[in-house]
Amino acid sequence: MSQQQPKPQTSRSKENLANPDNAQIIIEEKVVKFNGDVCIKKSLRGKFLGKGGFAKCYEFTNLETKRLSAAKVIAKTSLTKSRAKQKLMSEIKIHRSLHHNNIVGFEHFFEDAENVYILLELCHNQTLNELLRRRKRLHELEV
């Protein structure tokens, strides 16, 4: 990623390495302020929410504010081709520009040595796919 974002670091305990998807890991995001001060924001990676084509999604809790978010975690090893990097940068650019009640809200993104993290609004209900599977059809007003 060529963005001028600070590089956060992650800390992982050894017992959590056995099952990485269910492990609670503290993620540290280094933020450099305009005056040069460095601030470290810590988040707890919690419950595994699902996975997609090139990312896994987890519940993140900001340890300072206790605010819950969803985080897409993209391993940098999956971004070896320039096309994959370009797709990720394009997704971030598009998602951060969208602001609508029916679109999951973009919060921010950051990266460390191993992963890129995209923090999003946490949807507490269910996915559209789960709703369709359960109810079989949607009303026109819902669509």
N, C-alpha and C. Protein backbone atom coordinates (compact mmCIF):
# COMPACT_ATOMS: atom_id res chain seq x y z
N MET A 1 0.85 -1.17 0.00
CA MET A 1 0.00 0.00 0.00
C MET A 1 0.89 1.23 0.00
N SER A 2 0.63 2.13 -0.88
CA SER A 2 1.47 3.32 -1.00
C SER A 2 0.91 4.49 -0.23
N GLN A 3 -0.16 4.29 0.52
CA GLN A 3 -0.78 5.35 1.32
C GLN A 3 0.17 5.78 2.43
N GLN A 4 0.19 7.06 2.77
CA GLN A 4 1.06 7.59 3.80
C GLN A 4 0.44 7.37 5.18
N GLN A 5 0.08 6.15 5.49
CA GLN A 5 -0.52 5.81 6.77
C GLN A 5 0.57 5.22 7.66
N PRO A 6 0.52 5.47 8.96
CA PRO A 6 1.50 4.87 9.85
C PRO A 6 1.35 3.36 9.88
N LYS A 7 2.42 2.67 10.18
CA LYS A 7 2.43 1.22 10.21
C LYS A 7 2.17 0.73 11.65
N PRO A 8 0.97 0.17 11.93
CA PRO A 8 0.70 -0.36 13.25
C PRO A 8 1.37 -1.72 13.43
N GLN A 9 1.45 -2.13 14.68
CA GLN A 9 2.04 -3.42 14.99
C GLN A 9 1.00 -4.27 15.69
N THR A 10 1.13 -5.58 15.53
CA THR A 10 0.21 -6.48 16.21
C THR A 10 0.96 -7.23 17.29
N SER A 11 0.24 -7.56 18.35
CA SER A 11 0.84 -8.40 19.38
C SER A 11 -0.05 -9.62 19.55
N ARG A 12 0.55 -10.78 19.58
CA ARG A 12 -0.21 -12.02 19.66
C ARG A 12 0.35 -12.90 20.77
N SER A 13 -0.54 -13.48 21.55
CA SER A 13 -0.06 -14.38 22.59
C SER A 13 0.07 -15.78 22.02
N LYS A 14 0.98 -16.60 22.56
CA LYS A 14 1.28 -17.91 22.00
C LYS A 14 0.09 -18.86 22.05
N GLU A 15 -0.73 -18.80 23.08
CA GLU A 15 -1.87 -19.72 23.16
C GLU A 15 -2.90 -19.43 22.09
N ASN A 16 -2.92 -18.23 21.54
CA ASN A 16 -3.88 -17.88 20.50
C ASN A 16 -3.44 -18.35 19.12
N LEU A 17 -2.23 -18.78 18.95
CA LEU A 17 -1.74 -19.17 17.64
C LEU A 17 -2.26 -20.53 17.21
N ALA A 18 -2.76 -21.37 18.15
CA ALA A 18 -3.26 -22.70 17.83
C ALA A 18 -4.47 -22.62 16.91
N ASN A 19 -5.43 -21.76 17.20
CA ASN A 19 -6.62 -21.58 16.37
C ASN A 19 -6.75 -20.09 16.06
N PRO A 20 -6.12 -19.63 15.00
CA PRO A 20 -6.04 -18.19 14.75
C PRO A 20 -7.37 -17.50 14.49
N ASP A 21 -8.38 -18.22 13.97
CA ASP A 21 -9.67 -17.56 13.69
C ASP A 21 -10.44 -17.24 14.95
N ASN A 22 -10.35 -18.06 15.99
CA ASN A 22 -11.11 -17.83 17.21
C ASN A 22 -10.31 -17.12 18.30
N ALA A 23 -9.04 -16.87 18.04
CA ALA A 23 -8.18 -16.27 19.04
C ALA A 23 -8.52 -14.79 19.24
N GLN A 24 -8.42 -14.35 20.48
CA GLN A 24 -8.57 -12.92 20.75
C GLN A 24 -7.17 -12.32 20.74
N ILE A 25 -6.95 -11.44 19.79
CA ILE A 25 -5.64 -10.84 19.57
C ILE A 25 -5.76 -9.33 19.70
N ILE A 26 -4.78 -8.72 20.32
CA ILE A 26 -4.76 -7.26 20.41
C ILE A 26 -4.01 -6.72 19.21
N ILE A 27 -4.68 -5.85 18.48
CA ILE A 27 -4.10 -5.21 17.30
C ILE A 27 -3.75 -3.78 17.69
N GLU A 28 -2.52 -3.38 17.41
CA GLU A 28 -2.08 -2.02 17.74
C GLU A 28 -1.93 -1.21 16.46
N GLU A 29 -2.59 -0.08 16.44
CA GLU A 29 -2.53 0.83 15.30
C GLU A 29 -1.76 2.08 15.72
N LYS A 30 -0.63 2.32 15.06
CA LYS A 30 0.15 3.53 15.34
C LYS A 30 -0.38 4.67 14.52
N VAL A 31 -0.71 5.77 15.18
CA VAL A 31 -1.22 6.95 14.50
C VAL A 31 -0.26 8.10 14.78
N VAL A 32 0.26 8.70 13.72
CA VAL A 32 1.16 9.85 13.86
C VAL A 32 0.31 11.10 13.68
N LYS A 33 0.27 11.95 14.72
CA LYS A 33 -0.52 13.17 14.67
C LYS A 33 0.23 14.24 13.87
N PHE A 34 -0.47 15.33 13.55
CA PHE A 34 0.11 16.41 12.75
C PHE A 34 1.35 17.01 13.41
N ASN A 35 1.38 17.06 14.75
CA ASN A 35 2.53 17.64 15.45
C ASN A 35 3.67 16.65 15.63
N GLY A 36 3.52 15.43 15.10
CA GLY A 36 4.58 14.43 15.18
C GLY A 36 4.43 13.44 16.31
N ASP A 37 3.51 13.70 17.23
CA ASP A 37 3.28 12.76 18.34
C ASP A 37 2.74 11.45 17.81
N VAL A 38 3.15 10.36 18.45
CA VAL A 38 2.67 9.04 18.06
C VAL A 38 1.67 8.55 19.09
N CYS A 39 0.52 8.15 18.62
CA CYS A 39 -0.56 7.63 19.46
C CYS A 39 -0.80 6.18 19.06
N ILE A 40 -0.97 5.30 20.01
CA ILE A 40 -1.24 3.90 19.70
C ILE A 40 -2.67 3.57 20.10
N LYS A 41 -3.46 3.15 19.11
CA LYS A 41 -4.83 2.73 19.36
C LYS A 41 -4.84 1.21 19.40
N LYS A 42 -5.42 0.65 20.45
CA LYS A 42 -5.47 -0.80 20.59
C LYS A 42 -6.89 -1.29 20.40
N SER A 43 -7.00 -2.38 19.64
CA SER A 43 -8.29 -3.02 19.41
C SER A 43 -8.15 -4.50 19.70
N LEU A 44 -9.24 -5.09 20.16
CA LEU A 44 -9.27 -6.52 20.43
C LEU A 44 -9.98 -7.20 19.27
N ARG A 45 -9.27 -8.11 18.61
CA ARG A 45 -9.90 -8.88 17.54
C ARG A 45 -10.70 -9.98 18.20
N GLY A 46 -12.00 -9.95 17.97
CA GLY A 46 -12.88 -10.91 18.63
C GLY A 46 -13.41 -11.97 17.68
N LYS A 47 -14.71 -12.13 17.72
CA LYS A 47 -15.41 -13.22 17.02
C LYS A 47 -15.19 -13.18 15.51
N PHE A 48 -14.96 -14.35 14.94
CA PHE A 48 -14.85 -14.51 13.50
C PHE A 48 -16.25 -14.38 12.90
N LEU A 49 -16.41 -13.47 11.93
CA LEU A 49 -17.73 -13.21 11.35
C LEU A 49 -17.94 -13.90 10.01
N GLY A 50 -16.87 -14.11 9.26
CA GLY A 50 -17.00 -14.75 7.95
C GLY A 50 -15.80 -14.47 7.09
N LYS A 51 -15.84 -15.01 5.87
CA LYS A 51 -14.73 -14.78 4.96
C LYS A 51 -15.24 -14.59 3.55
N GLY A 52 -14.43 -13.91 2.76
CA GLY A 52 -14.77 -13.66 1.38
C GLY A 52 -13.66 -14.14 0.48
N GLY A 53 -13.57 -13.54 -0.70
CA GLY A 53 -12.59 -13.96 -1.68
C GLY A 53 -11.15 -13.81 -1.22
N PHE A 54 -10.82 -12.69 -0.59
CA PHE A 54 -9.44 -12.47 -0.18
C PHE A 54 -9.33 -11.89 1.23
N ALA A 55 -10.40 -11.94 2.01
CA ALA A 55 -10.35 -11.36 3.35
C ALA A 55 -11.15 -12.20 4.34
N LYS A 56 -10.79 -12.06 5.60
CA LYS A 56 -11.57 -12.63 6.69
C LYS A 56 -12.13 -11.46 7.49
N CYS A 57 -13.31 -11.65 8.03
CA CYS A 57 -13.97 -10.57 8.76
C CYS A 57 -14.10 -10.94 10.23
N TYR A 58 -13.75 -10.00 11.10
CA TYR A 58 -13.80 -10.22 12.55
C TYR A 58 -14.50 -9.05 13.22
N GLU A 59 -14.98 -9.30 14.42
CA GLU A 59 -15.49 -8.24 15.28
C GLU A 59 -14.29 -7.61 15.97
N PHE A 60 -14.17 -6.29 15.92
CA PHE A 60 -13.09 -5.56 16.59
C PHE A 60 -13.71 -4.68 17.67
N THR A 61 -13.06 -4.63 18.83
CA THR A 61 -13.48 -3.75 19.91
C THR A 61 -12.36 -2.78 20.21
N ASN A 62 -12.64 -1.48 20.09
CA ASN A 62 -11.67 -0.46 20.45
C ASN A 62 -11.53 -0.51 21.96
N LEU A 63 -10.34 -0.77 22.47
CA LEU A 63 -10.14 -0.96 23.91
C LEU A 63 -10.28 0.33 24.70
N GLU A 64 -10.14 1.48 24.03
CA GLU A 64 -10.28 2.77 24.71
C GLU A 64 -11.75 3.18 24.81
N THR A 65 -12.47 3.08 23.70
CA THR A 65 -13.86 3.55 23.66
C THR A 65 -14.88 2.43 23.83
N LYS A 66 -14.44 1.16 23.74
CA LYS A 66 -15.30 -0.03 23.80
C LYS A 66 -16.26 -0.10 22.62
N ARG A 67 -16.00 0.66 21.57
CA ARG A 67 -16.86 0.68 20.38
C ARG A 67 -16.59 -0.56 19.54
N LEU A 68 -17.67 -1.20 19.06
CA LEU A 68 -17.56 -2.39 18.22
C LEU A 68 -17.57 -2.00 16.75
N SER A 69 -16.75 -2.69 15.97
CA SER A 69 -16.69 -2.51 14.53
C SER A 69 -16.50 -3.88 13.89
N ALA A 70 -16.74 -3.94 12.61
CA ALA A 70 -16.37 -5.12 11.83
C ALA A 70 -15.06 -4.77 11.13
N ALA A 71 -14.17 -5.72 11.02
CA ALA A 71 -12.90 -5.46 10.34
C ALA A 71 -12.63 -6.54 9.31
N LYS A 72 -12.39 -6.09 8.09
CA LYS A 72 -11.93 -7.00 7.06
C LYS A 72 -10.42 -7.06 7.19
N VAL A 73 -9.89 -8.26 7.34
CA VAL A 73 -8.45 -8.44 7.50
C VAL A 73 -7.93 -9.13 6.25
N ILE A 74 -7.07 -8.43 5.53
CA ILE A 74 -6.52 -8.94 4.28
C ILE A 74 -5.04 -9.22 4.50
N ALA A 75 -4.64 -10.47 4.34
CA ALA A 75 -3.23 -10.83 4.49
C ALA A 75 -2.43 -10.25 3.34
N LYS A 76 -1.31 -9.63 3.66
CA LYS A 76 -0.48 -9.03 2.61
C LYS A 76 0.11 -10.09 1.69
N THR A 77 0.19 -11.34 2.16
CA THR A 77 0.68 -12.41 1.29
C THR A 77 -0.27 -12.66 0.13
N SER A 78 -1.56 -12.28 0.29
CA SER A 78 -2.52 -12.45 -0.80
C SER A 78 -2.48 -11.28 -1.78
N LEU A 79 -1.64 -10.28 -1.50
CA LEU A 79 -1.55 -9.09 -2.34
C LEU A 79 -0.23 -9.04 -3.11
N THR A 80 0.25 -10.20 -3.53
CA THR A 80 1.54 -10.24 -4.21
C THR A 80 1.45 -9.70 -5.64
N LYS A 81 0.31 -9.90 -6.29
CA LYS A 81 0.14 -9.39 -7.66
C LYS A 81 -0.35 -7.96 -7.62
N SER A 82 0.11 -7.15 -8.57
CA SER A 82 -0.27 -5.74 -8.59
C SER A 82 -1.77 -5.58 -8.83
N ARG A 83 -2.39 -6.52 -9.53
CA ARG A 83 -3.84 -6.47 -9.78
C ARG A 83 -4.60 -6.60 -8.45
N ALA A 84 -4.15 -7.46 -7.56
CA ALA A 84 -4.81 -7.64 -6.25
C ALA A 84 -4.68 -6.37 -5.41
N LYS A 85 -3.51 -5.75 -5.43
CA LYS A 85 -3.30 -4.50 -4.69
C LYS A 85 -4.20 -3.40 -5.25
N GLN A 86 -4.29 -3.34 -6.58
CA GLN A 86 -5.11 -2.33 -7.22
C GLN A 86 -6.59 -2.52 -6.87
N LYS A 87 -7.06 -3.77 -6.83
CA LYS A 87 -8.45 -4.06 -6.46
C LYS A 87 -8.73 -3.62 -5.03
N LEU A 88 -7.79 -3.87 -4.13
CA LEU A 88 -7.96 -3.47 -2.73
C LEU A 88 -8.00 -1.96 -2.60
N MET A 89 -7.09 -1.27 -3.25
CA MET A 89 -7.06 0.19 -3.19
C MET A 89 -8.33 0.78 -3.79
N SER A 90 -8.83 0.16 -4.85
CA SER A 90 -10.06 0.61 -5.48
C SER A 90 -11.26 0.40 -4.55
N GLU A 91 -11.31 -0.75 -3.88
CA GLU A 91 -12.38 -1.03 -2.92
C GLU A 91 -12.40 0.01 -1.80
N ILE A 92 -11.23 0.33 -1.27
CA ILE A 92 -11.13 1.32 -0.19
C ILE A 92 -11.59 2.69 -0.69
N LYS A 93 -11.11 3.08 -1.86
CA LYS A 93 -11.47 4.39 -2.42
C LYS A 93 -12.97 4.51 -2.64
N ILE A 94 -13.58 3.47 -3.21
CA ILE A 94 -15.02 3.50 -3.47
C ILE A 94 -15.81 3.47 -2.17
N HIS A 95 -15.44 2.56 -1.27
CA HIS A 95 -16.22 2.40 -0.03
C HIS A 95 -16.16 3.65 0.85
N ARG A 96 -15.02 4.31 0.90
CA ARG A 96 -14.92 5.50 1.76
C ARG A 96 -15.72 6.67 1.20
N SER A 97 -16.07 6.62 -0.09
CA SER A 97 -16.84 7.71 -0.69
C SER A 97 -18.35 7.48 -0.59
N LEU A 98 -18.78 6.28 -0.21
CA LEU A 98 -20.21 5.96 -0.14
C LEU A 98 -20.77 6.27 1.24
N HIS A 99 -21.89 6.98 1.26
CA HIS A 99 -22.57 7.31 2.53
C HIS A 99 -24.06 7.15 2.31
N HIS A 100 -24.60 6.02 2.75
CA HIS A 100 -26.03 5.74 2.56
C HIS A 100 -26.49 4.80 3.68
N ASN A 101 -27.74 4.96 4.09
CA ASN A 101 -28.28 4.14 5.19
C ASN A 101 -28.24 2.65 4.89
N ASN A 102 -28.34 2.26 3.63
CA ASN A 102 -28.40 0.85 3.27
C ASN A 102 -27.06 0.27 2.84
N ILE A 103 -25.99 1.02 3.03
CA ILE A 103 -24.64 0.54 2.71
C ILE A 103 -23.82 0.57 4.00
N VAL A 104 -23.13 -0.52 4.28
CA VAL A 104 -22.30 -0.61 5.48
C VAL A 104 -21.32 0.57 5.51
N GLY A 105 -21.25 1.26 6.64
CA GLY A 105 -20.41 2.44 6.76
C GLY A 105 -18.92 2.12 6.86
N PHE A 106 -18.13 2.88 6.13
CA PHE A 106 -16.66 2.76 6.16
C PHE A 106 -16.16 3.64 7.30
N GLU A 107 -15.29 3.10 8.16
CA GLU A 107 -14.72 3.90 9.25
C GLU A 107 -13.31 4.38 8.86
N HIS A 108 -12.38 3.47 8.72
CA HIS A 108 -11.04 3.81 8.25
C HIS A 108 -10.28 2.53 7.94
N PHE A 109 -9.05 2.68 7.47
CA PHE A 109 -8.22 1.51 7.23
C PHE A 109 -6.80 1.81 7.70
N PHE A 110 -6.08 0.73 7.98
CA PHE A 110 -4.67 0.85 8.34
C PHE A 110 -4.01 -0.47 8.01
N GLU A 111 -2.71 -0.52 8.14
CA GLU A 111 -1.98 -1.74 7.84
C GLU A 111 -0.83 -1.93 8.81
N ASP A 112 -0.39 -3.18 8.92
CA ASP A 112 0.83 -3.49 9.67
C ASP A 112 1.71 -4.33 8.76
N ALA A 113 2.70 -4.98 9.30
CA ALA A 113 3.65 -5.73 8.48
C ALA A 113 2.99 -6.93 7.80
N GLU A 114 1.92 -7.47 8.39
CA GLU A 114 1.31 -8.71 7.87
C GLU A 114 -0.03 -8.51 7.19
N ASN A 115 -0.82 -7.53 7.61
CA ASN A 115 -2.20 -7.40 7.15
C ASN A 115 -2.58 -5.96 6.82
N VAL A 116 -3.67 -5.85 6.04
CA VAL A 116 -4.36 -4.58 5.84
C VAL A 116 -5.71 -4.75 6.54
N TYR A 117 -6.12 -3.74 7.30
CA TYR A 117 -7.36 -3.79 8.07
C TYR A 117 -8.31 -2.71 7.55
N ILE A 118 -9.53 -3.12 7.20
CA ILE A 118 -10.56 -2.17 6.80
C ILE A 118 -11.63 -2.23 7.87
N LEU A 119 -11.79 -1.14 8.63
CA LEU A 119 -12.79 -1.10 9.69
C LEU A 119 -14.10 -0.55 9.15
N LEU A 120 -15.17 -1.30 9.42
CA LEU A 120 -16.49 -0.99 8.90
C LEU A 120 -17.51 -0.98 10.03
N GLU A 121 -18.65 -0.39 9.75
CA GLU A 121 -19.78 -0.42 10.67
C GLU A 121 -20.16 -1.89 10.90
N LEU A 122 -20.44 -2.25 12.15
CA LEU A 122 -20.85 -3.61 12.48
C LEU A 122 -22.36 -3.72 12.34
N CYS A 123 -22.81 -4.64 11.51
CA CYS A 123 -24.24 -4.87 11.32
C CYS A 123 -24.68 -5.95 12.31
N HIS A 124 -25.57 -5.60 13.22
CA HIS A 124 -25.97 -6.52 14.28
C HIS A 124 -27.05 -7.50 13.84
N ASN A 125 -27.77 -7.18 12.78
CA ASN A 125 -28.85 -8.07 12.37
C ASN A 125 -28.29 -9.29 11.66
N GLN A 126 -28.43 -9.36 10.39
CA GLN A 126 -27.93 -10.50 9.64
C GLN A 126 -27.63 -10.07 8.22
N THR A 127 -26.94 -10.95 7.50
CA THR A 127 -26.63 -10.61 6.11
C THR A 127 -27.87 -10.79 5.26
N LEU A 128 -27.86 -10.17 4.11
CA LEU A 128 -28.97 -10.31 3.18
C LEU A 128 -29.12 -11.76 2.76
N ASN A 129 -28.01 -12.45 2.57
CA ASN A 129 -28.04 -13.86 2.19
C ASN A 129 -28.73 -14.70 3.26
N GLU A 130 -28.42 -14.45 4.54
CA GLU A 130 -29.06 -15.19 5.64
C GLU A 130 -30.55 -14.92 5.69
N LEU A 131 -30.93 -13.67 5.48
CA LEU A 131 -32.34 -13.30 5.48
C LEU A 131 -33.09 -14.00 4.35
N LEU A 132 -32.52 -14.02 3.16
CA LEU A 132 -33.14 -14.70 2.03
C LEU A 132 -33.26 -16.21 2.26
N ARG A 133 -32.24 -16.79 2.83
CA ARG A 133 -32.25 -18.23 3.10
C ARG A 133 -33.35 -18.58 4.11
N ARG A 134 -33.53 -17.71 5.10
CA ARG A 134 -34.52 -17.97 6.15
C ARG A 134 -35.94 -17.71 5.67
N ARG A 135 -36.15 -16.60 4.94
CA ARG A 135 -37.51 -16.21 4.56
C ARG A 135 -37.89 -16.59 3.14
N LYS A 136 -36.95 -17.00 2.32
CA LYS A 136 -37.15 -17.42 0.94
C LYS A 136 -37.42 -16.26 -0.02
N ARG A 137 -38.08 -15.19 0.39
CA ARG A 137 -38.33 -14.05 -0.48
C ARG A 137 -38.46 -12.78 0.36
N LEU A 138 -38.29 -11.63 -0.31
CA LEU A 138 -38.42 -10.34 0.33
C LEU A 138 -39.59 -9.57 -0.27
N HIS A 139 -40.20 -8.69 0.52
CA HIS A 139 -41.26 -7.85 0.01
C HIS A 139 -40.65 -6.72 -0.82
N GLU A 140 -41.43 -6.21 -1.74
CA GLU A 140 -40.94 -5.16 -2.63
C GLU A 140 -40.45 -3.94 -1.86
N LEU A 141 -41.14 -3.58 -0.78
CA LEU A 141 -40.71 -2.43 0.03
C LEU A 141 -39.37 -2.65 0.69
N GLU A 142 -39.06 -3.89 1.05
CA GLU A 142 -37.78 -4.22 1.68
C GLU A 142 -36.63 -4.09 0.68
N VAL A 143 -36.91 -4.44 -0.56
CA VAL A 143 -35.88 -4.43 -1.59
C VAL A 143 -35.57 -2.99 -1.94
